[in-house]
Protein backbone atom coordinates (compact mmCIF):
# COMPACT_ATOMS: atom_id res chain seq x y z
CA MET A 1 27.09 77.60 -3.85
CA LYS A 2 25.52 75.63 -6.76
CA LEU A 3 25.46 71.76 -6.58
CA ALA A 4 25.87 69.68 -9.63
CA PRO A 5 22.31 68.26 -10.91
CA ALA A 6 23.77 64.71 -10.31
CA LEU A 7 24.42 65.40 -6.85
CA LEU A 8 21.15 67.01 -6.26
CA ALA A 9 19.50 63.85 -7.78
CA LEU A 10 21.51 61.39 -5.49
CA PRO A 11 19.25 61.37 -2.60
CA ALA A 12 16.29 60.57 -4.74
CA LEU A 13 18.40 57.83 -6.54
CA LEU A 14 19.59 56.24 -3.17
CA LEU A 15 15.95 56.32 -1.91
CA ALA A 16 14.63 54.49 -5.10
CA LEU A 17 17.48 52.00 -4.83
CA GLY A 18 16.60 51.37 -1.35
CA ALA A 19 12.91 50.86 -2.15
CA GLY A 20 13.93 48.47 -4.81
CA ALA A 21 16.00 46.36 -2.40
CA ALA A 22 13.15 46.33 0.12
CA ASP A 23 10.71 45.30 -2.52
CA GLU A 24 13.03 42.64 -3.35
CA ALA A 25 13.54 41.47 0.04
CA ALA A 26 9.76 41.43 0.59
CA ALA A 27 9.26 39.25 -2.44
CA PRO A 28 8.63 35.61 -1.40
CA ARG A 29 11.42 33.39 -2.56
CA ARG A 30 10.23 30.60 -4.84
CA PRO A 31 10.75 27.17 -3.46
CA ASN A 32 13.33 24.52 -4.48
CA ILE A 33 11.31 21.40 -5.57
CA VAL A 34 12.81 17.72 -5.35
CA PHE A 35 10.85 15.16 -7.05
CA VAL A 36 11.89 11.67 -5.92
CA LEU A 37 10.58 8.84 -8.03
CA LEU A 38 10.83 5.24 -6.78
CA ASP A 39 10.54 2.19 -9.37
CA ASP A 40 8.03 -0.60 -8.92
CA ALA A 41 7.32 0.18 -5.15
CA GLY A 42 3.94 -1.19 -4.11
CA PHE A 43 1.29 0.85 -2.34
CA SER A 44 2.28 -0.53 1.04
CA ASP A 45 6.22 -0.30 0.68
CA PHE A 46 6.89 2.57 2.35
CA GLY A 47 6.75 2.77 6.43
CA ALA A 48 4.28 5.65 6.00
CA TYR A 49 1.90 3.35 4.04
CA GLY A 50 2.19 0.39 6.54
CA SER A 51 5.35 -1.39 5.67
CA GLU A 52 7.77 -2.96 8.26
CA ILE A 53 10.75 -1.72 6.02
CA ALA A 54 12.73 1.06 7.46
CA THR A 55 12.17 4.18 5.41
CA PRO A 56 12.58 6.94 8.02
CA ASN A 57 13.37 9.78 5.66
CA ILE A 58 10.37 9.10 3.36
CA ASP A 59 8.36 8.74 6.64
CA ALA A 60 9.44 12.14 7.85
CA ILE A 61 8.19 13.59 4.72
CA ALA A 62 4.89 12.00 5.07
CA GLN A 63 4.68 13.09 8.76
CA GLN A 64 5.24 16.70 7.61
CA GLY A 65 3.23 16.44 4.61
CA VAL A 66 0.10 15.08 2.80
CA ARG A 67 -0.21 11.50 1.88
CA PHE A 68 -2.56 10.38 -0.72
CA THR A 69 -4.28 7.12 -0.82
CA ASN A 70 -6.20 7.33 -4.19
CA PHE A 71 -3.34 8.46 -6.42
CA HIS A 72 -3.11 6.73 -9.87
CA THR A 73 -0.49 6.22 -12.58
CA ALA A 74 -0.17 4.29 -15.61
CA SER A 75 0.61 0.57 -15.11
CA THR A 76 4.13 0.70 -16.50
CA CYS A 77 6.98 2.91 -16.28
CA GLU A 78 7.40 4.53 -19.61
CA SER A 79 3.90 5.48 -19.84
CA SER A 80 3.64 6.78 -16.32
CA ARG A 81 7.01 8.90 -16.74
CA THR A 82 5.64 10.32 -19.75
CA MET A 83 2.41 11.54 -18.07
CA LEU A 84 4.44 12.86 -15.22
CA GLN A 85 6.74 14.71 -17.31
CA SER A 86 4.22 16.11 -20.11
CA GLY A 87 0.88 16.51 -18.09
CA VAL A 88 -0.92 14.75 -20.91
CA ASP A 89 -2.08 11.12 -21.56
CA HIS A 90 0.87 8.85 -22.60
CA HIS A 91 -0.56 8.14 -25.90
CA ARG A 92 -0.14 11.67 -26.84
CA GLY A 93 3.25 11.85 -25.08
CA GLY A 94 4.74 9.14 -27.27
CA ALA A 95 4.49 6.09 -24.87
CA GLY A 96 1.30 4.39 -25.71
CA THR A 97 2.77 1.26 -24.56
CA LEU A 98 6.09 -0.27 -23.08
CA GLN A 99 8.29 -0.67 -26.10
CA VAL A 100 9.62 -3.97 -25.09
CA VAL A 101 5.99 -5.53 -25.64
CA ILE A 102 4.75 -3.16 -28.32
CA ALA A 103 2.28 -5.02 -30.69
CA ASP A 104 3.03 -5.23 -34.33
CA ASN A 105 0.03 -2.94 -35.30
CA GLN A 106 1.23 -0.28 -32.86
CA ARG A 107 4.92 0.22 -34.19
CA GLY A 108 5.74 3.19 -35.98
CA GLN A 109 2.46 4.72 -35.44
CA PRO A 110 1.92 8.19 -33.92
CA GLY A 111 1.79 7.99 -30.15
CA TYR A 112 4.09 4.98 -29.95
CA GLU A 113 7.45 6.59 -30.83
CA GLY A 114 9.10 5.16 -27.47
CA TYR A 115 10.30 8.74 -26.47
CA LEU A 116 8.85 11.80 -24.97
CA SER A 117 7.10 13.26 -28.15
CA ASP A 118 7.95 16.70 -29.53
CA ARG A 119 4.22 17.30 -29.44
CA VAL A 120 4.10 17.75 -25.69
CA HIS A 121 5.53 20.12 -22.97
CA SER A 122 8.13 19.01 -20.81
CA LEU A 123 8.45 19.40 -16.92
CA GLY A 124 12.14 20.49 -17.23
CA GLN A 125 11.61 22.91 -20.17
CA LEU A 126 8.71 24.45 -18.42
CA LEU A 127 10.72 25.07 -15.11
CA HIS A 128 13.87 26.08 -16.81
CA ASP A 129 12.26 28.62 -19.09
CA ALA A 130 10.44 30.03 -15.79
CA GLY A 131 13.88 30.86 -14.13
CA TYR A 132 14.49 27.41 -12.30
CA ALA A 133 17.95 25.45 -12.45
CA THR A 134 16.98 21.94 -13.56
CA TYR A 135 18.84 18.96 -12.23
CA TYR A 136 17.95 15.31 -13.38
CA SER A 137 19.44 12.21 -11.88
CA GLY A 138 18.51 8.54 -12.33
CA LYS A 139 16.38 6.44 -14.83
CA TRP A 140 15.21 8.28 -17.71
CA ASN A 141 13.32 5.64 -20.10
CA LEU A 142 11.95 8.42 -22.38
CA GLY A 143 14.19 7.96 -25.39
CA GLN A 144 17.54 6.68 -26.66
CA GLY A 145 20.49 8.73 -27.64
CA ALA A 146 21.76 12.34 -26.61
CA GLU A 147 19.08 13.86 -28.87
CA ARG A 148 16.50 12.28 -26.59
CA ALA A 149 18.28 12.53 -23.33
CA PRO A 150 16.88 15.00 -20.52
CA GLY A 151 19.16 17.58 -21.92
CA ALA A 152 16.82 17.86 -24.87
CA ARG A 153 13.70 18.39 -22.74
CA GLY A 154 15.07 21.15 -20.45
CA TRP A 155 17.13 19.60 -17.82
CA GLU A 156 20.43 21.48 -17.83
CA ARG A 157 22.50 19.16 -15.83
CA TYR A 158 21.84 15.42 -15.88
CA PHE A 159 23.01 11.86 -15.23
CA ALA A 160 20.60 9.71 -16.73
CA LEU A 161 20.05 5.89 -17.50
CA GLU A 162 18.38 5.73 -20.91
CA ASN A 163 17.18 2.08 -20.48
CA THR A 164 14.04 0.59 -18.80
CA GLY A 165 16.42 -0.92 -16.31
CA ALA A 166 19.90 -1.91 -15.61
CA ASP A 167 22.44 -3.57 -13.13
CA ASN A 168 22.91 -1.35 -10.16
CA TYR A 169 26.53 -2.12 -9.80
CA GLU A 170 28.06 -1.73 -13.29
CA ALA A 171 27.18 -0.70 -16.79
CA ARG A 172 25.38 -4.14 -17.63
CA VAL A 173 21.86 -4.91 -18.83
CA TYR A 174 19.56 -6.66 -16.69
CA ALA A 175 17.57 -8.41 -19.35
CA PRO A 176 17.88 -9.30 -23.03
CA PHE A 177 16.07 -6.10 -24.09
CA ASN A 178 19.22 -4.07 -24.97
CA ARG A 179 22.63 -4.69 -26.07
CA GLU A 180 24.28 -2.42 -23.61
CA ALA A 181 23.23 -0.24 -20.61
CA VAL A 182 23.82 3.41 -21.63
CA TRP A 183 24.19 6.46 -19.13
CA TRP A 184 24.24 10.06 -20.26
CA GLU A 185 25.71 13.16 -18.50
CA ASP A 186 25.51 16.61 -19.97
CA GLY A 187 25.45 15.48 -23.51
CA LYS A 188 28.03 12.85 -23.38
CA LYS A 189 27.94 9.03 -22.82
CA ALA A 190 29.04 8.44 -19.18
CA ALA A 191 31.30 5.84 -17.75
CA LEU A 192 30.44 4.55 -14.41
CA PRO A 193 32.98 4.58 -11.62
CA PRO A 194 34.38 1.42 -10.38
CA ASP A 195 32.48 1.63 -7.11
CA PHE A 196 29.27 2.60 -8.62
CA TYR A 197 25.95 1.71 -6.90
CA SER A 198 23.06 3.53 -8.55
CA SER A 199 21.12 4.77 -5.52
CA HIS A 200 24.26 6.24 -3.98
CA ASP A 201 25.71 7.84 -7.08
CA TYR A 202 22.29 9.22 -8.27
CA VAL A 203 22.12 11.19 -5.01
CA SER A 204 25.78 12.28 -5.29
CA LYS A 205 25.13 13.79 -8.70
CA LEU A 206 22.52 15.89 -7.57
CA VAL A 207 24.52 17.11 -4.58
CA GLN A 208 27.16 17.89 -6.95
CA TYR A 209 24.92 19.82 -9.35
CA VAL A 210 23.42 21.84 -6.54
CA ASP A 211 26.90 22.60 -5.06
CA GLU A 212 28.37 23.75 -8.38
CA GLY A 213 25.32 26.00 -8.95
CA ARG A 214 25.93 27.60 -5.69
CA LYS A 215 29.69 28.18 -6.53
CA LYS A 216 28.79 29.89 -9.59
CA ALA A 217 26.56 32.25 -7.36
CA ASP A 218 23.35 31.02 -9.24
CA LYS A 219 20.59 32.68 -7.32
CA ARG A 220 17.96 30.51 -9.18
CA PRO A 221 15.76 28.08 -7.24
CA PHE A 222 16.09 24.44 -8.42
CA MET A 223 14.17 21.81 -9.82
CA ALA A 224 15.71 18.36 -9.11
CA MET A 225 14.52 14.81 -10.09
CA LEU A 226 15.84 11.85 -8.31
CA ALA A 227 14.71 8.81 -10.25
CA PHE A 228 15.83 5.78 -8.62
CA GLN A 229 16.27 2.39 -9.98
CA ALA A 230 15.20 1.06 -6.61
CA VAL A 231 13.27 -1.34 -6.30
CA HIS A 232 13.07 -2.21 -9.93
CA SER A 233 14.78 -5.74 -10.76
CA PRO A 234 17.43 -6.80 -10.38
CA LEU A 235 17.08 -6.45 -6.80
CA GLN A 236 20.59 -5.45 -5.50
CA VAL A 237 22.09 -3.97 -2.52
CA PRO A 238 25.16 -4.22 -0.25
CA ALA A 239 24.89 -7.06 2.06
CA ARG A 240 24.89 -5.07 5.41
CA TYR A 241 21.26 -3.91 4.15
CA THR A 242 19.99 -7.40 3.35
CA ASP A 243 21.54 -8.95 6.55
CA LYS A 244 19.06 -6.68 8.75
CA TYR A 245 16.18 -8.42 7.26
CA LEU A 246 17.35 -12.23 6.70
CA LYS A 247 15.04 -13.47 9.66
CA ARG A 248 12.10 -10.84 9.18
CA TYR A 249 10.56 -12.72 6.50
CA ASP A 250 10.48 -16.31 7.74
CA GLU A 251 6.94 -16.12 8.60
CA GLY A 252 5.87 -15.98 5.00
CA TRP A 253 4.10 -13.61 2.76
CA ALA A 254 0.49 -14.12 4.07
CA ALA A 255 1.46 -13.28 7.77
CA VAL A 256 3.43 -10.15 6.61
CA ARG A 257 0.61 -9.11 4.38
CA GLU A 258 -1.92 -9.29 7.20
CA GLU A 259 0.51 -7.26 9.41
CA ARG A 260 0.81 -4.54 6.74
CA TYR A 261 -2.90 -4.31 6.41
CA GLN A 262 -3.67 -4.17 10.03
CA ARG A 263 -0.99 -1.26 10.30
CA GLN A 264 -2.63 0.58 7.36
CA VAL A 265 -5.94 0.31 9.19
CA LYS A 266 -4.50 1.64 12.32
CA MET A 267 -2.84 4.63 10.61
CA GLY A 268 -6.27 5.49 9.13
CA LEU A 269 -5.03 4.89 5.49
CA VAL A 270 -7.39 2.06 4.49
CA PRO A 271 -10.71 0.69 5.65
CA ALA A 272 -11.16 -2.09 8.06
CA GLY A 273 -12.64 -5.19 7.08
CA LEU A 274 -11.23 -5.78 3.71
CA THR A 275 -10.72 -9.35 2.36
CA MET A 276 -7.48 -9.52 0.86
CA PRO A 277 -7.71 -10.41 -2.97
CA ALA A 278 -6.62 -13.86 -4.07
CA ASN A 279 -4.56 -13.62 -7.17
CA ASP A 280 -4.08 -16.50 -9.56
CA GLY A 281 -0.87 -18.46 -8.83
CA ALA A 282 -0.59 -17.54 -5.27
CA ARG A 283 1.37 -20.21 -3.15
CA ASP A 284 0.97 -21.60 0.35
CA TRP A 285 4.12 -20.50 2.14
CA ASN A 286 3.45 -23.72 4.46
CA LYS A 287 3.72 -26.07 1.63
CA LEU A 288 7.11 -24.88 0.52
CA SER A 289 10.15 -26.90 1.37
CA PRO A 290 12.38 -25.57 4.29
CA ASP A 291 15.09 -24.72 1.47
CA GLU A 292 12.66 -22.90 -0.78
CA ARG A 293 11.21 -21.00 2.37
CA ARG A 294 14.78 -19.75 3.06
CA THR A 295 15.41 -18.54 -0.45
CA GLN A 296 12.11 -17.02 -0.83
CA ALA A 297 12.51 -15.08 2.64
CA LYS A 298 16.09 -13.75 1.69
CA LYS A 299 14.64 -12.35 -1.88
CA MET A 300 12.33 -10.11 0.19
CA ALA A 301 15.25 -9.27 2.40
CA VAL A 302 17.21 -8.05 -0.53
CA PHE A 303 14.14 -6.07 -1.85
CA ALA A 304 13.70 -4.46 1.88
CA GLY A 305 17.45 -3.70 1.96
CA MET A 306 17.35 -2.12 -1.35
CA LEU A 307 14.41 0.27 -0.53
CA GLU A 308 16.09 1.04 2.89
CA ALA A 309 19.25 2.13 0.94
CA ALA A 310 17.46 4.26 -1.19
CA ASP A 311 15.68 5.83 1.57
CA GLU A 312 19.19 6.30 3.30
CA GLU A 313 20.38 8.13 0.38
CA LEU A 314 17.40 10.37 0.26
CA GLY A 315 18.21 11.34 3.78
CA ARG A 316 21.68 12.18 2.69
CA LEU A 317 20.30 14.55 0.07
CA ARG A 318 17.99 16.06 2.63
CA GLN A 319 20.95 16.56 5.26
CA HIS A 320 22.95 18.21 2.66
CA LEU A 321 20.22 20.70 1.93
CA LYS A 322 19.80 21.35 5.61
CA ASP A 323 23.49 21.78 5.83
CA ILE A 324 23.67 24.46 3.05
CA GLY A 325 20.42 26.11 4.46
CA GLU A 326 17.92 25.20 1.58
CA LEU A 327 15.98 22.50 3.43
CA ASP A 328 13.27 24.76 4.91
CA ASN A 329 12.70 26.19 1.44
CA THR A 330 12.16 22.96 -0.54
CA VAL A 331 9.18 21.12 -1.51
CA PHE A 332 9.61 17.28 -1.50
CA ILE A 333 7.30 14.88 -3.46
CA VAL A 334 7.69 11.25 -3.48
CA MET A 335 5.97 8.56 -5.25
CA SER A 336 6.23 5.23 -7.11
CA ASP A 337 5.83 5.05 -11.00
CA ASN A 338 3.54 1.94 -10.75
CA GLY A 339 2.48 -0.83 -8.70
CA ALA A 340 4.76 -3.73 -7.68
CA ASP A 341 6.16 -6.00 -10.33
CA ALA A 342 5.09 -9.76 -10.14
CA TYR A 343 6.94 -11.02 -13.33
CA ASP A 344 10.35 -12.62 -12.53
CA LEU A 345 11.97 -12.63 -16.04
CA SER A 346 14.28 -15.43 -15.12
CA GLN A 347 11.36 -17.66 -14.90
CA LEU A 348 9.51 -16.32 -17.91
CA ASN A 349 10.23 -19.04 -20.57
CA LEU A 350 13.23 -21.36 -21.64
CA PRO A 351 15.16 -18.91 -23.87
CA PHE A 352 15.00 -16.29 -21.03
CA ARG A 353 15.88 -18.86 -18.53
CA ILE A 354 18.86 -19.88 -20.36
CA TRP A 355 20.03 -16.35 -20.52
CA TYR A 356 19.67 -15.67 -16.93
CA ARG A 357 21.37 -18.81 -16.30
CA ALA A 358 24.41 -17.70 -18.47
CA ASN A 359 24.69 -14.27 -17.26
CA ASN A 360 23.88 -14.17 -13.41
CA ALA A 361 24.91 -15.95 -10.22
CA LEU A 362 21.94 -17.25 -8.81
CA GLY A 363 23.09 -18.99 -5.54
CA TYR A 364 21.84 -18.14 -2.27
CA GLU A 365 24.92 -16.31 -0.90
CA GLN A 366 25.13 -14.12 -3.83
CA MET A 367 21.68 -12.75 -3.77
CA GLY A 368 21.72 -8.95 -4.07
CA LEU A 369 25.44 -8.61 -4.67
CA LYS A 370 27.42 -7.65 -7.90
CA GLY A 371 26.76 -10.19 -10.67
CA SER A 372 23.23 -11.65 -9.06
CA TYR A 373 19.70 -11.37 -10.40
CA VAL A 374 17.08 -11.34 -7.91
CA HIS A 375 13.28 -10.79 -8.35
CA TYR A 376 11.21 -11.42 -5.48
CA GLY A 377 8.20 -12.94 -7.40
CA GLN A 378 4.42 -12.63 -7.38
CA ASP A 379 3.66 -13.68 -3.77
CA TRP A 380 5.96 -10.84 -2.41
CA ALA A 381 4.45 -8.40 -4.95
CA GLU A 382 1.29 -9.10 -3.36
CA VAL A 383 2.68 -7.99 -0.01
CA SER A 384 4.02 -4.86 -1.54
CA ASN A 385 0.54 -4.02 -3.07
CA THR A 386 -1.31 -4.60 0.18
CA PRO A 387 -4.44 -4.52 0.20
CA LEU A 388 -4.72 -3.90 -3.68
CA ARG A 389 -5.40 -6.70 -6.41
CA LEU A 390 -2.87 -7.55 -9.31
CA PHE A 391 0.28 -5.87 -10.17
CA LYS A 392 2.18 -3.77 -12.57
CA GLY A 393 1.31 -4.19 -16.06
CA THR A 394 -2.50 -4.50 -15.31
CA SER A 395 -5.41 -2.08 -15.03
CA ALA A 396 -6.16 -3.32 -11.48
CA GLU A 397 -5.45 -1.19 -8.63
CA GLY A 398 -2.50 -2.94 -7.78
CA GLY A 399 -0.96 -1.88 -11.06
CA MET A 400 -2.17 1.76 -11.01
CA ARG A 401 -2.68 2.94 -7.40
CA VAL A 402 0.65 4.08 -5.74
CA PRO A 403 1.72 5.99 -2.96
CA PHE A 404 2.02 9.78 -3.42
CA ILE A 405 3.39 12.23 -0.96
CA VAL A 406 4.03 16.02 -0.80
CA GLN A 407 5.51 18.11 1.72
CA MET A 408 5.53 21.52 1.36
CA PRO A 409 8.35 24.15 2.70
CA ALA A 410 8.25 25.22 6.34
CA ASN A 411 5.85 28.17 7.09
CA SER A 412 3.97 27.70 3.76
CA PRO A 413 0.12 27.26 3.69
CA GLY A 414 0.71 23.66 2.93
CA SER A 415 2.75 22.79 6.09
CA ALA A 416 -0.14 24.08 8.51
CA GLN A 417 -1.76 20.63 9.03
CA PRO A 418 1.34 18.15 8.91
CA GLY A 419 0.48 14.44 8.69
CA ARG A 420 -2.71 14.82 6.66
CA ILE A 421 -4.12 11.85 4.55
CA THR A 422 -6.56 12.44 1.61
CA ASP A 423 -8.52 9.88 -0.22
CA GLN A 424 -9.35 12.37 -3.07
CA PHE A 425 -8.96 10.72 -6.45
CA ALA A 426 -5.97 12.16 -8.39
CA TYR A 427 -4.09 11.15 -11.58
CA ALA A 428 -0.53 11.24 -12.98
CA THR A 429 -1.52 14.07 -15.46
CA ASP A 430 -2.28 16.13 -12.18
CA PHE A 431 1.41 16.23 -11.22
CA LEU A 432 2.85 18.59 -13.87
CA PRO A 433 0.13 21.46 -13.17
CA THR A 434 0.73 21.01 -9.53
CA VAL A 435 4.51 21.57 -9.85
CA LEU A 436 3.83 24.53 -11.96
CA ASP A 437 1.28 25.97 -9.26
CA ILE A 438 3.82 25.29 -6.49
CA ALA A 439 6.63 27.21 -8.55
CA GLY A 440 4.36 30.14 -9.35
CA VAL A 441 4.49 29.23 -13.11
CA PRO A 442 1.26 29.84 -15.36
CA ARG A 443 0.25 26.92 -17.48
CA PRO A 444 1.61 27.34 -20.92
CA PRO A 445 -0.69 29.11 -23.43
CA ALA A 446 -2.61 27.17 -26.11
CA SER A 447 -0.25 26.36 -29.02
CA ASP A 448 -0.90 24.68 -32.40
CA LYS A 449 2.35 22.68 -31.97
CA LEU A 450 1.78 21.29 -28.52
CA PHE A 451 -0.91 19.47 -26.72
CA PRO A 452 -2.38 21.32 -23.89
CA LEU A 453 -1.99 19.92 -20.25
CA THR A 454 -4.88 18.07 -19.26
CA GLY A 455 -4.40 17.52 -15.70
CA LYS A 456 -5.58 19.74 -12.60
CA SER A 457 -3.38 21.26 -9.90
CA LEU A 458 -3.59 19.58 -6.45
CA LEU A 459 -2.00 22.63 -4.81
CA PRO A 460 -5.45 23.68 -3.34
CA LEU A 461 -6.04 20.23 -1.80
CA ILE A 462 -2.54 20.08 -0.43
CA GLU A 463 -2.74 23.39 1.15
CA GLY A 464 -5.99 22.40 2.82
CA ALA A 465 -8.07 25.10 1.01
CA ALA A 466 -9.98 22.70 -1.27
CA SER A 467 -13.19 21.19 -0.24
CA ALA A 468 -14.66 20.12 -3.64
CA PRO A 469 -12.91 17.25 -5.36
CA VAL A 470 -10.25 17.73 -7.78
CA HIS A 471 -12.13 15.86 -10.52
CA ASP A 472 -15.94 15.98 -10.03
CA ALA A 473 -18.16 13.21 -10.61
CA THR A 474 -18.98 13.78 -14.37
CA GLU A 475 -15.22 13.92 -15.53
CA ALA A 476 -14.04 10.61 -17.08
CA ILE A 477 -10.25 9.72 -16.83
CA GLY A 478 -9.15 6.86 -19.06
CA PHE A 479 -6.14 4.68 -19.37
CA GLU A 480 -4.93 1.96 -21.79
CA GLY A 481 -1.71 0.04 -21.80
CA THR A 482 -0.90 -3.38 -23.21
CA GLY A 483 -4.54 -3.95 -24.11
CA GLY A 484 -5.87 -3.33 -20.63
CA GLN A 485 -8.20 -0.38 -20.03
CA ALA A 486 -9.63 1.47 -17.05
CA LEU A 487 -11.81 4.37 -16.94
CA PHE A 488 -12.45 6.45 -13.58
CA GLN A 489 -15.51 8.49 -13.22
CA GLY A 490 -17.35 9.56 -10.00
CA GLY A 491 -15.91 7.01 -7.64
CA TYR A 492 -16.40 4.08 -10.14
CA LYS A 493 -13.78 2.31 -12.07
CA LEU A 494 -14.56 0.27 -15.50
CA MET A 495 -11.65 -1.90 -16.53
CA ARG A 496 -10.63 -4.82 -18.28
CA ASN A 497 -7.12 -6.65 -18.14
CA GLY A 498 -6.24 -7.93 -21.38
CA THR A 499 -5.19 -11.42 -20.99
CA VAL A 500 -5.86 -11.41 -17.43
CA ASP A 501 -9.37 -12.11 -16.05
CA GLY A 502 -10.35 -13.13 -19.56
CA ASN A 503 -10.46 -9.59 -20.80
CA ARG A 504 -14.08 -9.11 -19.66
CA TRP A 505 -15.39 -5.58 -18.51
CA GLN A 506 -15.56 -5.15 -14.91
CA LEU A 507 -17.12 -2.18 -12.67
CA TYR A 508 -16.18 -1.48 -9.31
CA ASP A 509 -16.97 1.17 -6.74
CA THR A 510 -13.41 1.73 -5.73
CA ALA A 511 -14.28 4.49 -3.03
CA LYS A 512 -15.70 1.45 -1.16
CA ASP A 513 -14.18 -1.83 -2.83
CA TRP A 514 -10.54 -1.11 -2.60
CA THR A 515 -9.78 -4.60 -3.28
CA GLU A 516 -11.89 -4.92 -6.50
CA THR A 517 -13.90 -8.14 -5.10
CA ASN A 518 -17.45 -6.95 -5.85
CA ASP A 519 -18.02 -6.80 -9.73
CA LEU A 520 -21.01 -4.65 -10.18
CA ALA A 521 -21.16 -4.85 -14.18
CA ALA A 522 -24.12 -7.02 -14.22
CA GLN A 523 -26.12 -4.99 -11.55
CA GLN A 524 -25.43 -1.59 -13.33
CA PRO A 525 -25.46 -2.36 -17.03
CA GLU A 526 -26.70 1.37 -17.73
CA ARG A 527 -23.57 2.95 -15.81
CA VAL A 528 -21.39 0.20 -17.82
CA GLN A 529 -22.85 1.32 -21.20
CA LYS A 530 -22.12 5.07 -20.41
CA MET A 531 -18.70 4.43 -19.29
CA LEU A 532 -18.02 2.19 -22.26
CA ALA A 533 -19.06 5.38 -24.26
CA GLU A 534 -16.34 7.34 -22.38
CA VAL A 535 -13.82 4.84 -23.34
CA LEU A 536 -14.41 5.16 -26.90
CA ARG A 537 -14.30 8.66 -26.67
CA TYR A 538 -11.02 8.48 -24.59
CA ASN A 539 -9.52 5.96 -27.22
CA LYS A 540 -10.39 8.32 -30.09
CA THR A 541 -9.13 11.63 -28.52
CA ASN A 542 -5.81 10.08 -27.54
CA GLY A 543 -5.15 8.02 -30.72
CA VAL A 544 -5.22 4.66 -28.76
CA ILE A 545 -4.26 1.57 -31.11
CA LEU A 546 -5.44 -1.51 -29.18
CA PRO A 547 -3.26 -4.58 -29.99
CA GLY A 548 -4.44 -7.12 -32.57
CA PRO A 549 -6.49 -10.41 -31.82
CA GLY A 550 -4.34 -12.87 -30.04
CA TYR A 551 -2.03 -10.34 -28.33
CA ASN A 552 -0.07 -11.64 -25.29
CA PRO A 553 2.48 -9.27 -23.91
CA LEU A 554 4.67 -12.11 -22.52
CA VAL A 555 4.62 -13.71 -26.11
CA GLN A 556 5.23 -10.40 -27.57
CA LEU A 557 8.18 -9.64 -25.09
CA LEU A 558 10.14 -12.60 -26.58
CA LYS A 559 9.15 -12.12 -30.10
CA ASN A 560 10.31 -8.27 -29.98
CA ASN A 561 13.56 -9.20 -28.40
CA ALA A 562 14.56 -12.38 -30.08
CA GLY A 563 17.28 -10.88 -31.96
CA VAL A 564 18.87 -9.38 -28.92
CA LEU A 565 18.45 -12.54 -27.09
CA VAL A 566 20.13 -14.58 -29.67
CA SER A 567 22.95 -12.13 -30.19
CA GLN A 568 23.85 -11.98 -26.46
CA LEU A 569 23.70 -15.90 -25.86
CA GLY A 570 25.73 -16.33 -28.95
CA GLY A 571 27.58 -19.67 -28.52
CA ILE A 572 25.15 -20.95 -26.24
CA VAL A 573 22.35 -20.81 -28.49
CA ALA A 574 24.57 -22.54 -31.29
CA ALA A 575 25.44 -25.28 -29.05
CA LEU A 576 21.68 -25.62 -28.16
CA LEU A 577 20.54 -25.50 -31.78
CA LEU A 578 23.18 -28.12 -32.52
CA ILE A 579 21.75 -30.34 -29.66
CA VAL A 580 17.92 -29.69 -30.53
CA LEU A 581 18.73 -30.14 -34.41
CA GLY A 582 21.69 -32.56 -34.36
CA VAL A 583 20.45 -35.12 -31.92
CA PRO A 584 17.45 -36.07 -33.70
CA ALA A 585 19.24 -36.26 -36.96
CA LEU A 586 21.91 -38.68 -35.51
CA LEU A 587 19.10 -40.76 -33.93
CA LEU A 588 17.34 -40.83 -37.40
CA THR A 589 20.64 -41.81 -39.03
CA TRP A 590 21.07 -44.80 -36.49
CA TRP A 591 17.45 -45.86 -36.90
CA LEU A 592 17.69 -45.96 -40.72
CA ARG A 593 21.10 -47.99 -40.45
CA ARG A 594 19.36 -50.36 -38.15
CA ARG A 595 16.55 -50.79 -40.82
CA ARG A 596 18.94 -51.82 -43.57
């Protein structure tokens, strides 16, 4: 009996199918990646970096992963987020400066567009094109309108705040920079639910996107970005979180700062024997009145509660991934976008103070609740940045050095030495190449239309295979923002701070001098000149436009936003103008009549 040719071929076909299935089963499964970006958290604010604030979920990621103590970003959010998303300097990426303080001579110039430039690659697009499901939830701050929302840059599902900040309970601006707070979801303007709280709802959206992908039998790994508003002002959190810390900060900022530093030394994060830098304007806690101490202690309690609430929500996401069997195959990256923020906008100048008085409940009992505005001020920001000098918006370490943690999946090479600490220098532009390396995605090829990535992958260092520095002693990495500049090279840092420190060039050996207290510029003039040449090269290569003479970011802030401020104050401004202009006129009339 003759068998049909198809039947004769059947065993071979089955064998081939079996071999293909075996090959597929043997192929390593690409990891999910969750990128958690905190906003304005200082170097010491996580428990894993010495804080007294309860952050058990971030700490667990650190205990299972690698902590960086020498990772740097831009000193403001737009610029930092641009580098993280694009892998190139923020001037190339369209965020040469913070838009609310953009100088007159920068406005409308290339590199200062105020959105993620069409000339750069995008984290979302690269991962999406490589076969990842891409989910975004939280603050975006890289462009306005649906055409500049995350969906335009490769994030297929997203719920995103377009502004630099907003209220955490409702669709309300937190400062007179914008006429409205705007969220976008999957191409449409989103309405917030009545019980909205930013940290909770951002995590809920990511859980929703992951689950809906699973229901569609989407087998792709996912890249999820969780961009908290915490702990950017306004500091807001349900009272149950604040209440836990009401007595914790009664001893004052100097005592808490010293406690954090001693924990950091004990944990092996920072060197012993450092002298905490003294920042201009610092106050003596013991010279405050009892009522002022009570108020200041609660401000820090709100900050601590807001950070703990964000950490708790991160724990909810991790638990959900565990419940669906994805946790052990997920990379977690946690960091802050820049250093702690020292500037309380409600105390900035008279027009801003009037706006805050008119729009926020400022009483002690309302702190942190819906309708309130809380900022914890410079002295607590010093605590957040322990042991570093200065703050967000400056080129000092307190503005640029941030916590950065990577936890690789279970049973991967990067999980072999849990709890490691590395002091190797790394920069924000290294983030995107690292993510591509983790995902097994090649760097994009050279293109005439898009700038090539400039950062380097940190994966060999994370996996414990690298012994040489990621950036060798000859490589120069520059930064400029709001007129301040920094250049890192071979463990040294050349910097100036614009309106702070008299805008003079300073040189520090930051490998030893964490607190930037020993200026070496006068002792090493040749090194200064060589690094200044690199600064000029950096400026030219990246299209840096330095602000014009007399630029002051706080004055520019008021100038750039005067129209919005006036329109929001409305009748209050009119009444003030009537008082300011009308009263002198009445007095003049009265005086002239008396003279007759």
